[in-house]
Amino acid sequence: MKLWKKNSSHHQINAIIYKIRSCRIIMTRAADLLRRLSKEGILVPEQVKKAILKVDLEHFTDYDVAPFYADRPVPYIESNSGNIKTISAPHMIITLLHHMELAVGQEIIVIGCKGGYLSALIATIVGENGRVNVLDPSTEVVNHAKERLSHWPTVEIRAGILAYTASWERKRGTEGRRG
């Protein structure tokens, strides 16, 4: 029994070392990608850069992520109907996040899960006092995103579009508008 515990502990340590090394590789690949995109003229706001370096893309897909680091979309699910759903290419994500003008504490509605990765980036930017409400018409996609975002307490995901946006409109109407 002691030998098993020793080996078990040794394997756990090796697993931790492997995880740390793979995280460093991913961060290096993400940092390299961000540098390349900046050199190509893509504006990468600091808050977006920090979010991309913090959120692990591999948590949101079981597919190979190498194309992402070559600025290509990456699949995250093949639906029962045979459609491939993708996480957008990094330059598209960065451009979208830049134009959203996100700030700490905001409540954001995202239509389309994109595997949950975009929502995780937004949640990272708006912080623990912010909120991300995600809507997607596909139950398959919603289930995938819920599984991947289960440890993100500021993200709520729902299937459907109309019912939720109607309740949001009522809420927004009572809060007043920014002007």
Foldseek 3Di string as FASTA:
>chain_A
DVVVVVVVVVVVVVVVVVVVVVLVVQLVLLVVLVVVVVVVPQDADPLLSVLSSPDDPCLLAVFDCVVLSVQQWDFRDQDPVRDTQTQHRPSVLRVVVVVVPAAAQEEEEAEDCRSVSSVSSNCSHNDPNYAYEYEYQDPVSQVSNCVSCVVRVRYHYDHDDPVVVVVVVVVDVVVDDDD
